[in-house]
């Protein structure tokens, strides 16, 4: 354990002893956190191209992801470009849906009748996708451009 870690531990113990967080505030915080996606389930990641073997060719390869939500799935292709990236996707079964990319520069688009969409200039860093298709609503885990 280095000196910084030891000092941080001592400071945390002192804060807990001399200025503890009120239990009522912790209950409110837990409730607010649980309510953050009351209208959207967390989709299951069922495919990630980074989970397999590394690509043979050089250069920036697009990352392919598939998320399964309640009765709906979404395929994403994330292509790095310049100082960010581009997200191309499709909602399946094919239908019109609202897709929101949440992150440093949130954007919302409506898919075409085949469930397709493109969002360019997504800034580098983490983002997640919220999808509303019919009665279904889900949110993906955070991924990085």
Foldseek 3Di string as FASTA:
>chain_A
DDPVVVVVVVVVVVCCVPPNDDPVVVVVVVVCVVCVPVLAAEWAWPDWPVVDDDDPDDDWAWIWTWTDFDVKIKIWTWTDDDQATKIKMFMPPFAWKWKWKDDPDIDIDIAPRRRIDMDPDHGFDWIKMWMDDPSHIHIYDIDTD
